[in-house]
Amino acid sequence: MVGESEESLKKKKVPYIVGKAHYEKNARGQIVGDHWGFLKLLFRAEDMKLLGVHFIGEQAAEIIHIGLTALMLNATVNVFLDTCYNYPTLSEMYKYAAYEAIGRKGKGELDGGMTP
């Protein structure tokens, strides 16, 4: 993991939105046979700035650096939406987790029981 955790954001009272993607729904995740791994992205609800990245599963150490780079650049969700990821790769999970977060924001769903 890199950046904030849900626990740290709750303590700081920062409204946030979670986007997740699961290995079992990703072609490369299916190829490597990992049915439990996932990616979780934490975005500040106000402006969708990336605050934290959590990757658990096969080869997670090989692709967490994508999230680290985005954090270092103070990127928003758009960096993942605008990036073309190869197929089939685990890295494309960043795009799908970002899509989920955007969908949740559109529905007004916040995490941590907070309001923006």
PDB file of N, CA and C in Angstrom:
ATOM      1  N   MET A   1       0.827  -1.185   0.000  1.00  0.00           N
ATOM      2  CA  MET A   1       0.000   0.000   0.000  1.00  0.00           C
ATOM      3  C   MET A   1       0.864   1.238   0.000  1.00  0.00           C
ATOM      4  N   VAL A   2       0.332   2.322  -0.524  1.00  0.00           N
ATOM      5  CA  VAL A   2       0.985   3.625  -0.475  1.00  0.00           C
ATOM      6  C   VAL A   2      -0.077   4.674  -0.177  1.00  0.00           C
ATOM      7  N   GLY A   3       0.334   5.722   0.533  1.00  0.00           N
ATOM      8  CA  GLY A   3      -0.584   6.807   0.846  1.00  0.00           C
ATOM      9  C   GLY A   3      -1.446   6.512   2.060  1.00  0.00           C
ATOM     10  N   GLU A   4      -2.609   7.132   2.063  1.00  0.00           N
ATOM     11  CA  GLU A   4      -3.529   7.045   3.197  1.00  0.00           C
ATOM     12  C   GLU A   4      -4.276   5.713   3.226  1.00  0.00           C
ATOM     13  N   SER A   5      -4.775   5.397   4.413  1.00  0.00           N
ATOM     14  CA  SER A   5      -5.667   4.256   4.597  1.00  0.00           C
ATOM     15  C   SER A   5      -7.051   4.803   4.935  1.00  0.00           C
ATOM     16  N   GLU A   6      -8.053   3.952   4.878  1.00  0.00           N
ATOM     17  CA  GLU A   6      -9.390   4.393   5.271  1.00  0.00           C
ATOM     18  C   GLU A   6      -9.390   4.834   6.733  1.00  0.00           C
ATOM     19  N   GLU A   7      -8.669   4.103   7.559  1.00  0.00           N
ATOM     20  CA  GLU A   7      -8.596   4.441   8.977  1.00  0.00           C
ATOM     21  C   GLU A   7      -8.005   5.836   9.183  1.00  0.00           C
ATOM     22  N   SER A   8      -6.918   6.151   8.471  1.00  0.00           N
ATOM     23  CA  SER A   8      -6.294   7.467   8.648  1.00  0.00           C
ATOM     24  C   SER A   8      -7.195   8.586   8.132  1.00  0.00           C
ATOM     25  N   LEU A   9      -7.924   8.334   7.051  1.00  0.00           N
ATOM     26  CA  LEU A   9      -8.834   9.357   6.519  1.00  0.00           C
ATOM     27  C   LEU A   9     -10.001   9.604   7.464  1.00  0.00           C
ATOM     28  N   LYS A  10     -10.507   8.546   8.088  1.00  0.00           N
ATOM     29  CA  LYS A  10     -11.586   8.706   9.069  1.00  0.00           C
ATOM     30  C   LYS A  10     -11.107   9.516  10.256  1.00  0.00           C
ATOM     31  N   LYS A  11      -9.895   9.234  10.749  1.00  0.00           N
ATOM     32  CA  LYS A  11      -9.348   9.986  11.879  1.00  0.00           C
ATOM     33  C   LYS A  11      -9.187  11.460  11.541  1.00  0.00           C
ATOM     34  N   LYS A  12      -8.815  11.745  10.291  1.00  0.00           N
ATOM     35  CA  LYS A  12      -8.620  13.130   9.850  1.00  0.00           C
ATOM     36  C   LYS A  12      -9.932  13.789   9.403  1.00  0.00           C
ATOM     37  N   LYS A  13     -11.008  12.984   9.394  1.00  0.00           N
ATOM     38  CA  LYS A  13     -12.333  13.460   8.972  1.00  0.00           C
ATOM     39  C   LYS A  13     -12.330  13.984   7.537  1.00  0.00           C
ATOM     40  N   VAL A  14     -11.646  13.255   6.680  1.00  0.00           N
ATOM     41  CA  VAL A  14     -11.585  13.600   5.263  1.00  0.00           C
ATOM     42  C   VAL A  14     -12.634  12.773   4.524  1.00  0.00           C
ATOM     43  N   PRO A  15     -13.608  13.406   3.903  1.00  0.00           N
ATOM     44  CA  PRO A  15     -14.578  12.650   3.106  1.00  0.00           C
ATOM     45  C   PRO A  15     -13.881  12.016   1.898  1.00  0.00           C
ATOM     46  N   TYR A  16     -14.139  10.749   1.669  1.00  0.00           N
ATOM     47  CA  TYR A  16     -13.441  10.036   0.608  1.00  0.00           C
ATOM     48  C   TYR A  16     -14.369   9.057  -0.092  1.00  0.00           C
ATOM     49  N   ILE A  17     -13.922   8.650  -1.270  1.00  0.00           N
ATOM     50  CA  ILE A  17     -14.657   7.681  -2.075  1.00  0.00           C
ATOM     51  C   ILE A  17     -13.698   6.547  -2.434  1.00  0.00           C
ATOM     52  N   VAL A  18     -14.193   5.336  -2.318  1.00  0.00           N
ATOM     53  CA  VAL A  18     -13.410   4.143  -2.634  1.00  0.00           C
ATOM     54  C   VAL A  18     -13.802   3.620  -4.013  1.00  0.00           C
ATOM     55  N   GLY A  19     -12.800   3.224  -4.774  1.00  0.00           N
ATOM     56  CA  GLY A  19     -13.019   2.491  -6.017  1.00  0.00           C
ATOM     57  C   GLY A  19     -12.246   1.186  -5.925  1.00  0.00           C
ATOM     58  N   LYS A  20     -12.892   0.078  -6.248  1.00  0.00           N
ATOM     59  CA  LYS A  20     -12.239  -1.229  -6.162  1.00  0.00           C
ATOM     60  C   LYS A  20     -12.300  -1.961  -7.496  1.00  0.00           C
ATOM     61  N   ALA A  21     -11.317  -2.819  -7.694  1.00  0.00           N
ATOM     62  CA  ALA A  21     -11.310  -3.753  -8.819  1.00  0.00           C
ATOM     63  C   ALA A  21     -10.773  -5.077  -8.293  1.00  0.00           C
ATOM     64  N   HIS A  22     -11.322  -6.172  -8.800  1.00  0.00           N
ATOM     65  CA  HIS A  22     -10.979  -7.498  -8.286  1.00  0.00           C
ATOM     66  C   HIS A  22     -10.294  -8.351  -9.351  1.00  0.00           C
ATOM     67  N   TYR A  23      -9.310  -9.098  -8.907  1.00  0.00           N
ATOM     68  CA  TYR A  23      -8.576  -9.990  -9.809  1.00  0.00           C
ATOM     69  C   TYR A  23      -9.519 -10.940 -10.547  1.00  0.00           C
ATOM     70  N   GLU A  24     -10.511 -11.462  -9.858  1.00  0.00           N
ATOM     71  CA  GLU A  24     -11.391 -12.460 -10.458  1.00  0.00           C
ATOM     72  C   GLU A  24     -12.184 -11.916 -11.645  1.00  0.00           C
ATOM     73  N   LYS A  25     -12.282 -10.582 -11.748  1.00  0.00           N
ATOM     74  CA  LYS A  25     -12.989  -9.964 -12.874  1.00  0.00           C
ATOM     75  C   LYS A  25     -12.025  -9.384 -13.901  1.00  0.00           C
ATOM     76  N   ASN A  26     -10.735  -9.638 -13.721  1.00  0.00           N
ATOM     77  CA  ASN A  26      -9.692  -9.135 -14.608  1.00  0.00           C
ATOM     78  C   ASN A  26      -9.091 -10.318 -15.362  1.00  0.00           C
ATOM     79  N   ALA A  27      -8.893 -10.166 -16.667  1.00  0.00           N
ATOM     80  CA  ALA A  27      -8.391 -11.278 -17.477  1.00  0.00           C
ATOM     81  C   ALA A  27      -7.051 -11.802 -16.970  1.00  0.00           C
ATOM     82  N   ARG A  28      -6.098 -10.907 -16.637  1.00  0.00           N
ATOM     83  CA  ARG A  28      -4.791 -11.357 -16.149  1.00  0.00           C
ATOM     84  C   ARG A  28      -4.932 -12.007 -14.769  1.00  0.00           C
ATOM     85  N   GLY A  29      -5.807 -11.481 -13.944  1.00  0.00           N
ATOM     86  CA  GLY A  29      -6.062 -12.096 -12.642  1.00  0.00           C
ATOM     87  C   GLY A  29      -6.568 -13.514 -12.791  1.00  0.00           C
ATOM     88  N   GLN A  30      -7.423 -13.737 -13.795  1.00  0.00           N
ATOM     89  CA  GLN A  30      -7.924 -15.077 -14.066  1.00  0.00           C
ATOM     90  C   GLN A  30      -6.811 -15.975 -14.599  1.00  0.00           C
ATOM     91  N   ILE A  31      -5.948 -15.418 -15.441  1.00  0.00           N
ATOM     92  CA  ILE A  31      -4.842 -16.196 -16.005  1.00  0.00           C
ATOM     93  C   ILE A  31      -3.890 -16.659 -14.902  1.00  0.00           C
ATOM     94  N   VAL A  32      -3.566 -15.778 -13.943  1.00  0.00           N
ATOM     95  CA  VAL A  32      -2.643 -16.163 -12.873  1.00  0.00           C
ATOM     96  C   VAL A  32      -3.340 -16.986 -11.790  1.00  0.00           C
ATOM     97  N   GLY A  33      -4.670 -17.066 -11.860  1.00  0.00           N
ATOM     98  CA  GLY A  33      -5.426 -17.907 -10.934  1.00  0.00           C
ATOM     99  C   GLY A  33      -5.651 -17.306  -9.565  1.00  0.00           C
ATOM    100  N   ASP A  34      -5.555 -15.984  -9.457  1.00  0.00           N
ATOM    101  CA  ASP A  34      -5.787 -15.321  -8.168  1.00  0.00           C
ATOM    102  C   ASP A  34      -7.239 -14.843  -8.116  1.00  0.00           C
ATOM    103  N   HIS A  35      -8.030 -15.493  -7.299  1.00  0.00           N
ATOM    104  CA  HIS A  35      -9.456 -15.148  -7.204  1.00  0.00           C
ATOM    105  C   HIS A  35      -9.762 -14.244  -6.016  1.00  0.00           C
ATOM    106  N   TRP A  36      -8.755 -13.917  -5.213  1.00  0.00           N
ATOM    107  CA  TRP A  36      -8.984 -13.134  -4.000  1.00  0.00           C
ATOM    108  C   TRP A  36      -8.357 -11.746  -4.043  1.00  0.00           C
ATOM    109  N   GLY A  37      -7.414 -11.518  -4.920  1.00  0.00           N
ATOM    110  CA  GLY A  37      -6.710 -10.237  -4.958  1.00  0.00           C
ATOM    111  C   GLY A  37      -7.613  -9.085  -5.377  1.00  0.00           C
ATOM    112  N   PHE A  38      -7.216  -7.886  -4.978  1.00  0.00           N
ATOM    113  CA  PHE A  38      -7.980  -6.702  -5.368  1.00  0.00           C
ATOM    114  C   PHE A  38      -7.124  -5.450  -5.278  1.00  0.00           C
ATOM    115  N   LEU A  39      -7.615  -4.415  -5.929  1.00  0.00           N
ATOM    116  CA  LEU A  39      -7.046  -3.073  -5.873  1.00  0.00           C
ATOM    117  C   LEU A  39      -8.097  -2.162  -5.261  1.00  0.00           C
ATOM    118  N   LYS A  40      -7.674  -1.319  -4.332  1.00  0.00           N
ATOM    119  CA  LYS A  40      -8.571  -0.320  -3.742  1.00  0.00           C
ATOM    120  C   LYS A  40      -7.902   1.037  -3.863  1.00  0.00           C
ATOM    121  N   LEU A  41      -8.607   1.984  -4.458  1.00  0.00           N
ATOM    122  CA  LEU A  41      -8.132   3.361  -4.579  1.00  0.00           C
ATOM    123  C   LEU A  41      -8.981   4.250  -3.692  1.00  0.00           C
ATOM    124  N   LEU A  42      -8.330   5.164  -2.986  1.00  0.00           N
ATOM    125  CA  LEU A  42      -9.026   6.121  -2.115  1.00  0.00           C
ATOM    126  C   LEU A  42      -8.874   7.514  -2.703  1.00  0.00           C
ATOM    127  N   PHE A  43     -10.004   8.171  -2.941  1.00  0.00           N
ATOM    128  CA  PHE A  43     -10.010   9.511  -3.517  1.00  0.00           C
ATOM    129  C   PHE A  43     -10.686  10.494  -2.568  1.00  0.00           C
ATOM    130  N   ARG A  44     -10.155  11.712  -2.484  1.00  0.00           N
ATOM    131  CA  ARG A  44     -10.825  12.774  -1.728  1.00  0.00           C
ATOM    132  C   ARG A  44     -12.118  13.094  -2.466  1.00  0.00           C
ATOM    133  N   ALA A  45     -13.233  13.089  -1.748  1.00  0.00           N
ATOM    134  CA  ALA A  45     -14.544  13.262  -2.370  1.00  0.00           C
ATOM    135  C   ALA A  45     -14.682  14.610  -3.072  1.00  0.00           C
ATOM    136  N   GLU A  46     -14.110  15.626  -2.505  1.00  0.00           N
ATOM    137  CA  GLU A  46     -14.268  16.989  -3.028  1.00  0.00           C
ATOM    138  C   GLU A  46     -13.782  17.128  -4.472  1.00  0.00           C
ATOM    139  N   ASP A  47     -12.584  16.633  -4.761  1.00  0.00           N
ATOM    140  CA  ASP A  47     -11.976  16.864  -6.071  1.00  0.00           C
ATOM    141  C   ASP A  47     -11.429  15.595  -6.723  1.00  0.00           C
ATOM    142  N   MET A  48     -11.693  14.440  -6.115  1.00  0.00           N
ATOM    143  CA  MET A  48     -11.264  13.136  -6.624  1.00  0.00           C
ATOM    144  C   MET A  48      -9.744  13.026  -6.750  1.00  0.00           C
ATOM    145  N   LYS A  49      -9.022  13.720  -5.879  1.00  0.00           N
ATOM    146  CA  LYS A  49      -7.573  13.574  -5.813  1.00  0.00           C
ATOM    147  C   LYS A  49      -7.257  12.222  -5.171  1.00  0.00           C
ATOM    148  N   LEU A  50      -6.307  11.509  -5.746  1.00  0.00           N
ATOM    149  CA  LEU A  50      -5.896  10.219  -5.204  1.00  0.00           C
ATOM    150  C   LEU A  50      -5.205  10.418  -3.866  1.00  0.00           C
ATOM    151  N   LEU A  51      -5.637   9.646  -2.850  1.00  0.00           N
ATOM    152  CA  LEU A  51      -5.054   9.744  -1.514  1.00  0.00           C
ATOM    153  C   LEU A  51      -4.384   8.455  -1.054  1.00  0.00           C
ATOM    154  N   GLY A  52      -4.832   7.326  -1.581  1.00  0.00           N
ATOM    155  CA  GLY A  52      -4.261   6.056  -1.137  1.00  0.00           C
ATOM    156  C   GLY A  52      -4.486   4.950  -2.143  1.00  0.00           C
ATOM    157  N   VAL A  53      -3.566   3.980  -2.142  1.00  0.00           N
ATOM    158  CA  VAL A  53      -3.626   2.842  -3.054  1.00  0.00           C
ATOM    159  C   VAL A  53      -3.311   1.577  -2.259  1.00  0.00           C
ATOM    160  N   HIS A  54      -4.166   0.580  -2.390  1.00  0.00           N
ATOM    161  CA  HIS A  54      -3.973  -0.695  -1.701  1.00  0.00           C
ATOM    162  C   HIS A  54      -4.104  -1.804  -2.732  1.00  0.00           C
ATOM    163  N   PHE A  55      -3.056  -2.587  -2.898  1.00  0.00           N
ATOM    164  CA  PHE A  55      -3.050  -3.695  -3.853  1.00  0.00           C
ATOM    165  C   PHE A  55      -2.711  -4.955  -3.089  1.00  0.00           C
ATOM    166  N   ILE A  56      -3.574  -5.948  -3.162  1.00  0.00           N
ATOM    167  CA  ILE A  56      -3.351  -7.216  -2.484  1.00  0.00           C
ATOM    168  C   ILE A  56      -3.543  -8.321  -3.508  1.00  0.00           C
ATOM    169  N   GLY A  57      -2.529  -9.157  -3.673  1.00  0.00           N
ATOM    170  CA  GLY A  57      -2.667 -10.278  -4.581  1.00  0.00           C
ATOM    171  C   GLY A  57      -1.385 -10.561  -5.329  1.00  0.00           C
ATOM    172  N   GLU A  58      -1.481 -11.555  -6.210  1.00  0.00           N
ATOM    173  CA  GLU A  58      -0.355 -11.983  -7.036  1.00  0.00           C
ATOM    174  C   GLU A  58       0.218 -10.802  -7.814  1.00  0.00           C
ATOM    175  N   GLN A  59       1.509 -10.614  -7.743  1.00  0.00           N
ATOM    176  CA  GLN A  59       2.256  -9.592  -8.474  1.00  0.00           C
ATOM    177  C   GLN A  59       1.913  -8.151  -8.067  1.00  0.00           C
ATOM    178  N   ALA A  60       1.292  -7.969  -6.934  1.00  0.00           N
ATOM    179  CA  ALA A  60       0.930  -6.620  -6.486  1.00  0.00           C
ATOM    180  C   ALA A  60       2.157  -5.726  -6.354  1.00  0.00           C
ATOM    181  N   ALA A  61       3.261  -6.284  -5.895  1.00  0.00           N
ATOM    182  CA  ALA A  61       4.483  -5.489  -5.742  1.00  0.00           C
ATOM    183  C   ALA A  61       5.011  -4.984  -7.082  1.00  0.00           C
ATOM    184  N   GLU A  62       4.633  -5.656  -8.158  1.00  0.00           N
ATOM    185  CA  GLU A  62       5.086  -5.262  -9.494  1.00  0.00           C
ATOM    186  C   GLU A  62       4.284  -4.105 -10.077  1.00  0.00           C
ATOM    187  N   ILE A  63       3.096  -3.827  -9.523  1.00  0.00           N
ATOM    188  CA  ILE A  63       2.263  -2.774 -10.126  1.00  0.00           C
ATOM    189  C   ILE A  63       1.794  -1.697  -9.151  1.00  0.00           C
ATOM    190  N   ILE A  64       2.156  -1.793  -7.899  1.00  0.00           N
ATOM    191  CA  ILE A  64       1.788  -0.747  -6.944  1.00  0.00           C
ATOM    192  C   ILE A  64       2.452   0.578  -7.312  1.00  0.00           C
ATOM    193  N   HIS A  65       3.592   0.510  -8.003  1.00  0.00           N
ATOM    194  CA  HIS A  65       4.322   1.726  -8.364  1.00  0.00           C
ATOM    195  C   HIS A  65       3.509   2.665  -9.258  1.00  0.00           C
ATOM    196  N   ILE A  66       2.541   2.129  -9.986  1.00  0.00           N
ATOM    197  CA  ILE A  66       1.677   2.992 -10.807  1.00  0.00           C
ATOM    198  C   ILE A  66       0.919   3.946  -9.890  1.00  0.00           C
ATOM    199  N   GLY A  67       0.372   3.415  -8.818  1.00  0.00           N
ATOM    200  CA  GLY A  67      -0.335   4.243  -7.847  1.00  0.00           C
ATOM    201  C   GLY A  67       0.598   5.192  -7.115  1.00  0.00           C
ATOM    202  N   LEU A  68       1.793   4.727  -6.801  1.00  0.00           N
ATOM    203  CA  LEU A  68       2.776   5.587  -6.135  1.00  0.00           C
ATOM    204  C   LEU A  68       3.117   6.782  -7.019  1.00  0.00           C
ATOM    205  N   THR A  69       3.327   6.536  -8.293  1.00  0.00           N
ATOM    206  CA  THR A  69       3.639   7.621  -9.217  1.00  0.00           C
ATOM    207  C   THR A  69       2.486   8.627  -9.273  1.00  0.00           C
ATOM    208  N   ALA A  70       1.269   8.136  -9.350  1.00  0.00           N
ATOM    209  CA  ALA A  70       0.101   9.023  -9.380  1.00  0.00           C
ATOM    210  C   ALA A  70       0.016   9.851  -8.098  1.00  0.00           C
ATOM    211  N   LEU A  71       0.301   9.236  -6.952  1.00  0.00           N
ATOM    212  CA  LEU A  71       0.303   9.983  -5.680  1.00  0.00           C
ATOM    213  C   LEU A  71       1.359  11.074  -5.691  1.00  0.00           C
ATOM    214  N   MET A  72       2.544  10.752  -6.171  1.00  0.00           N
ATOM    215  CA  MET A  72       3.640  11.726  -6.192  1.00  0.00           C
ATOM    216  C   MET A  72       3.326  12.901  -7.116  1.00  0.00           C
ATOM    217  N   LEU A  73       2.494  12.672  -8.112  1.00  0.00           N
ATOM    218  CA  LEU A  73       2.114  13.725  -9.056  1.00  0.00           C
ATOM    219  C   LEU A  73       0.848  14.469  -8.626  1.00  0.00           C
ATOM    220  N   ASN A  74       0.324  14.136  -7.441  1.00  0.00           N
ATOM    221  CA  ASN A  74      -0.928  14.741  -6.956  1.00  0.00           C
ATOM    222  C   ASN A  74      -2.058  14.568  -7.966  1.00  0.00           C
ATOM    223  N   ALA A  75      -2.118  13.407  -8.570  1.00  0.00           N
ATOM    224  CA  ALA A  75      -3.081  13.122  -9.629  1.00  0.00           C
ATOM    225  C   ALA A  75      -4.499  12.964  -9.084  1.00  0.00           C
ATOM    226  N   THR A  76      -5.445  13.173  -9.974  1.00  0.00           N
ATOM    227  CA  THR A  76      -6.850  12.903  -9.684  1.00  0.00           C
ATOM    228  C   THR A  76      -7.248  11.609 -10.384  1.00  0.00           C
ATOM    229  N   VAL A  77      -8.482  11.249 -10.237  1.00  0.00           N
ATOM    230  CA  VAL A  77      -9.019  10.048 -10.868  1.00  0.00           C
ATOM    231  C   VAL A  77      -8.804  10.066 -12.378  1.00  0.00           C
ATOM    232  N   ASN A  78      -8.719  11.247 -12.959  1.00  0.00           N
ATOM    233  CA  ASN A  78      -8.589  11.362 -14.409  1.00  0.00           C
ATOM    234  C   ASN A  78      -7.320  10.722 -14.955  1.00  0.00           C
ATOM    235  N   VAL A  79      -6.264  10.663 -14.167  1.00  0.00           N
ATOM    236  CA  VAL A  79      -5.032  10.043 -14.669  1.00  0.00           C
ATOM    237  C   VAL A  79      -5.280   8.582 -15.049  1.00  0.00           C
ATOM    238  N   PHE A  80      -6.135   7.907 -14.306  1.00  0.00           N
ATOM    239  CA  PHE A  80      -6.438   6.506 -14.599  1.00  0.00           C
ATOM    240  C   PHE A  80      -7.449   6.378 -15.736  1.00  0.00           C
ATOM    241  N   LEU A  81      -8.386   7.299 -15.801  1.00  0.00           N
ATOM    242  CA  LEU A  81      -9.395   7.260 -16.853  1.00  0.00           C
ATOM    243  C   LEU A  81      -8.791   7.587 -18.216  1.00  0.00           C
ATOM    244  N   ASP A  82      -7.794   8.476 -18.228  1.00  0.00           N
ATOM    245  CA  ASP A  82      -7.190   8.929 -19.484  1.00  0.00           C
ATOM    246  C   ASP A  82      -6.023   8.075 -19.960  1.00  0.00           C
ATOM    247  N   THR A  83      -5.583   7.129 -19.141  1.00  0.00           N
ATOM    248  CA  THR A  83      -4.443   6.287 -19.486  1.00  0.00           C
ATOM    249  C   THR A  83      -4.912   5.030 -20.208  1.00  0.00           C
ATOM    250  N   CYS A  84      -4.177   4.651 -21.232  1.00  0.00           N
ATOM    251  CA  CYS A  84      -4.444   3.407 -21.952  1.00  0.00           C
ATOM    252  C   CYS A  84      -3.595   2.305 -21.314  1.00  0.00           C
ATOM    253  N   TYR A  85      -4.229   1.264 -20.813  1.00  0.00           N
ATOM    254  CA  TYR A  85      -3.524   0.144 -20.205  1.00  0.00           C
ATOM    255  C   TYR A  85      -3.553  -1.050 -21.149  1.00  0.00           C
ATOM    256  N   ASN A  86      -2.468  -1.789 -21.192  1.00  0.00           N
ATOM    257  CA  ASN A  86      -2.403  -2.989 -22.025  1.00  0.00           C
ATOM    258  C   ASN A  86      -3.391  -4.029 -21.520  1.00  0.00           C
ATOM    259  N   TYR A  87      -3.795  -4.918 -22.436  1.00  0.00           N
ATOM    260  CA  TYR A  87      -4.713  -6.002 -22.115  1.00  0.00           C
ATOM    261  C   TYR A  87      -4.099  -7.305 -22.592  1.00  0.00           C
ATOM    262  N   PRO A  88      -4.083  -8.307 -21.817  1.00  0.00           N
ATOM    263  CA  PRO A  88      -4.543  -8.398 -20.433  1.00  0.00           C
ATOM    264  C   PRO A  88      -3.404  -8.116 -19.452  1.00  0.00           C
ATOM    265  N   THR A  89      -3.589  -7.182 -18.588  1.00  0.00           N
ATOM    266  CA  THR A  89      -2.626  -6.886 -17.528  1.00  0.00           C
ATOM    267  C   THR A  89      -3.379  -6.594 -16.238  1.00  0.00           C
ATOM    268  N   LEU A  90      -2.713  -6.794 -15.132  1.00  0.00           N
ATOM    269  CA  LEU A  90      -3.303  -6.406 -13.847  1.00  0.00           C
ATOM    270  C   LEU A  90      -3.385  -4.885 -13.734  1.00  0.00           C
ATOM    271  N   SER A  91      -2.508  -4.178 -14.434  1.00  0.00           N
ATOM    272  CA  SER A  91      -2.490  -2.718 -14.331  1.00  0.00           C
ATOM    273  C   SER A  91      -3.796  -2.087 -14.793  1.00  0.00           C
ATOM    274  N   GLU A  92      -4.532  -2.737 -15.693  1.00  0.00           N
ATOM    275  CA  GLU A  92      -5.791  -2.156 -16.141  1.00  0.00           C
ATOM    276  C   GLU A  92      -6.828  -2.080 -15.014  1.00  0.00           C
ATOM    277  N   MET A  93      -6.546  -2.741 -13.899  1.00  0.00           N
ATOM    278  CA  MET A  93      -7.448  -2.654 -12.753  1.00  0.00           C
ATOM    279  C   MET A  93      -7.525  -1.222 -12.230  1.00  0.00           C
ATOM    280  N   TYR A  94      -6.468  -0.424 -12.431  1.00  0.00           N
ATOM    281  CA  TYR A  94      -6.518   0.981 -12.018  1.00  0.00           C
ATOM    282  C   TYR A  94      -7.671   1.700 -12.718  1.00  0.00           C
ATOM    283  N   LYS A  95      -7.843   1.450 -13.997  1.00  0.00           N
ATOM    284  CA  LYS A  95      -8.917   2.102 -14.754  1.00  0.00           C
ATOM    285  C   LYS A  95     -10.282   1.681 -14.214  1.00  0.00           C
ATOM    286  N   TYR A  96     -10.465   0.401 -13.953  1.00  0.00           N
ATOM    287  CA  TYR A  96     -11.764  -0.084 -13.513  1.00  0.00           C
ATOM    288  C   TYR A  96     -12.094   0.332 -12.081  1.00  0.00           C
ATOM    289  N   ALA A  97     -11.083   0.429 -11.241  1.00  0.00           N
ATOM    290  CA  ALA A  97     -11.310   0.958  -9.894  1.00  0.00           C
ATOM    291  C   ALA A  97     -11.678   2.444  -9.973  1.00  0.00           C
ATOM    292  N   ALA A  98     -11.046   3.155 -10.890  1.00  0.00           N
ATOM    293  CA  ALA A  98     -11.364   4.582 -11.090  1.00  0.00           C
ATOM    294  C   ALA A  98     -12.793   4.739 -11.598  1.00  0.00           C
ATOM    295  N   TYR A  99     -13.214   3.897 -12.545  1.00  0.00           N
ATOM    296  CA  TYR A  99     -14.592   3.941 -13.033  1.00  0.00           C
ATOM    297  C   TYR A  99     -15.582   3.707 -11.901  1.00  0.00           C
ATOM    298  N   GLU A 100     -15.274   2.751 -11.038  1.00  0.00           N
ATOM    299  CA  GLU A 100     -16.179   2.478  -9.924  1.00  0.00           C
ATOM    300  C   GLU A 100     -16.285   3.692  -9.008  1.00  0.00           C
ATOM    301  N   ALA A 101     -15.156   4.329  -8.730  1.00  0.00           N
ATOM    302  CA  ALA A 101     -15.170   5.513  -7.860  1.00  0.00           C
ATOM    303  C   ALA A 101     -15.992   6.641  -8.475  1.00  0.00           C
ATOM    304  N   ILE A 102     -15.823   6.871  -9.768  1.00  0.00           N
ATOM    305  CA  ILE A 102     -16.597   7.919 -10.455  1.00  0.00           C
ATOM    306  C   ILE A 102     -18.089   7.607 -10.387  1.00  0.00           C
ATOM    307  N   GLY A 103     -18.437   6.356 -10.582  1.00  0.00           N
ATOM    308  CA  GLY A 103     -19.841   5.952 -10.481  1.00  0.00           C
ATOM    309  C   GLY A 103     -20.405   6.181  -9.092  1.00  0.00           C
ATOM    310  N   ARG A 104     -19.618   5.873  -8.078  1.00  0.00           N
ATOM    311  CA  ARG A 104     -20.066   6.064  -6.695  1.00  0.00           C
ATOM    312  C   ARG A 104     -20.211   7.545  -6.389  1.00  0.00           C
ATOM    313  N   LYS A 105     -19.295   8.370  -6.898  1.00  0.00           N
ATOM    314  CA  LYS A 105     -19.401   9.812  -6.678  1.00  0.00           C
ATOM    315  C   LYS A 105     -20.673  10.349  -7.341  1.00  0.00           C
ATOM    316  N   GLY A 106     -20.935   9.886  -8.535  1.00  0.00           N
ATOM    317  CA  GLY A 106     -22.140  10.309  -9.263  1.00  0.00           C
ATOM    318  C   GLY A 106     -23.422   9.971  -8.529  1.00  0.00           C
ATOM    319  N   LYS A 107     -23.394   8.906  -7.756  1.00  0.00           N
ATOM    320  CA  LYS A 107     -24.562   8.500  -6.970  1.00  0.00           C
ATOM    321  C   LYS A 107     -24.563   9.157  -5.585  1.00  0.00           C
ATOM    322  N   GLY A 108     -23.520   9.941  -5.285  1.00  0.00           N
ATOM    323  CA  GLY A 108     -23.426  10.583  -3.976  1.00  0.00           C
ATOM    324  C   GLY A 108     -23.012   9.655  -2.865  1.00  0.00           C
ATOM    325  N   GLU A 109     -22.387   8.538  -3.191  1.00  0.00           N
ATOM    326  CA  GLU A 109     -21.966   7.560  -2.187  1.00  0.00           C
ATOM    327  C   GLU A 109     -20.582   7.934  -1.649  1.00  0.00           C
ATOM    328  N   LEU A 110     -20.512   8.260  -0.371  1.00  0.00           N
ATOM    329  CA  LEU A 110     -19.225   8.539   0.280  1.00  0.00           C
ATOM    330  C   LEU A 110     -18.905   7.435   1.258  1.00  0.00           C
ATOM    331  N   ASP A 111     -17.627   7.269   1.522  1.00  0.00           N
ATOM    332  CA  ASP A 111     -17.197   6.260   2.483  1.00  0.00           C
ATOM    333  C   ASP A 111     -16.810   6.928   3.788  1.00  0.00           C
ATOM    334  N   GLY A 112     -16.806   6.177   4.836  1.00  0.00           N
ATOM    335  CA  GLY A 112     -16.416   6.694   6.143  1.00  0.00           C
ATOM    336  C   GLY A 112     -17.539   7.405   6.870  1.00  0.00           C
ATOM    337  N   GLY A 113     -18.769   7.359   6.333  1.00  0.00           N
ATOM    338  CA  GLY A 113     -19.914   7.967   6.998  1.00  0.00           C
ATOM    339  C   GLY A 113     -19.833   9.472   7.092  1.00  0.00           C
ATOM    340  N   MET A 114     -19.195  10.108   6.113  1.00  0.00           N
ATOM    341  CA  MET A 114     -19.017  11.556   6.140  1.00  0.00           C
ATOM    342  C   MET A 114     -19.716  12.214   4.967  1.00  0.00           C
ATOM    343  N   THR A 115     -19.839  13.493   5.052  1.00  0.00           N
ATOM    344  CA  THR A 115     -20.404  14.274   3.951  1.00  0.00           C
ATOM    345  C   THR A 115     -19.358  15.215   3.429  1.00  0.00           C
ATOM    346  N   PRO A 116     -19.440  15.562   2.145  1.00  0.00           N
ATOM    347  CA  PRO A 116     -18.427  16.455   1.571  1.00  0.00           C
ATOM    348  C   PRO A 116     -18.509  17.861   2.127  1.00  0.00           C
TER     349      PRO A 116
END
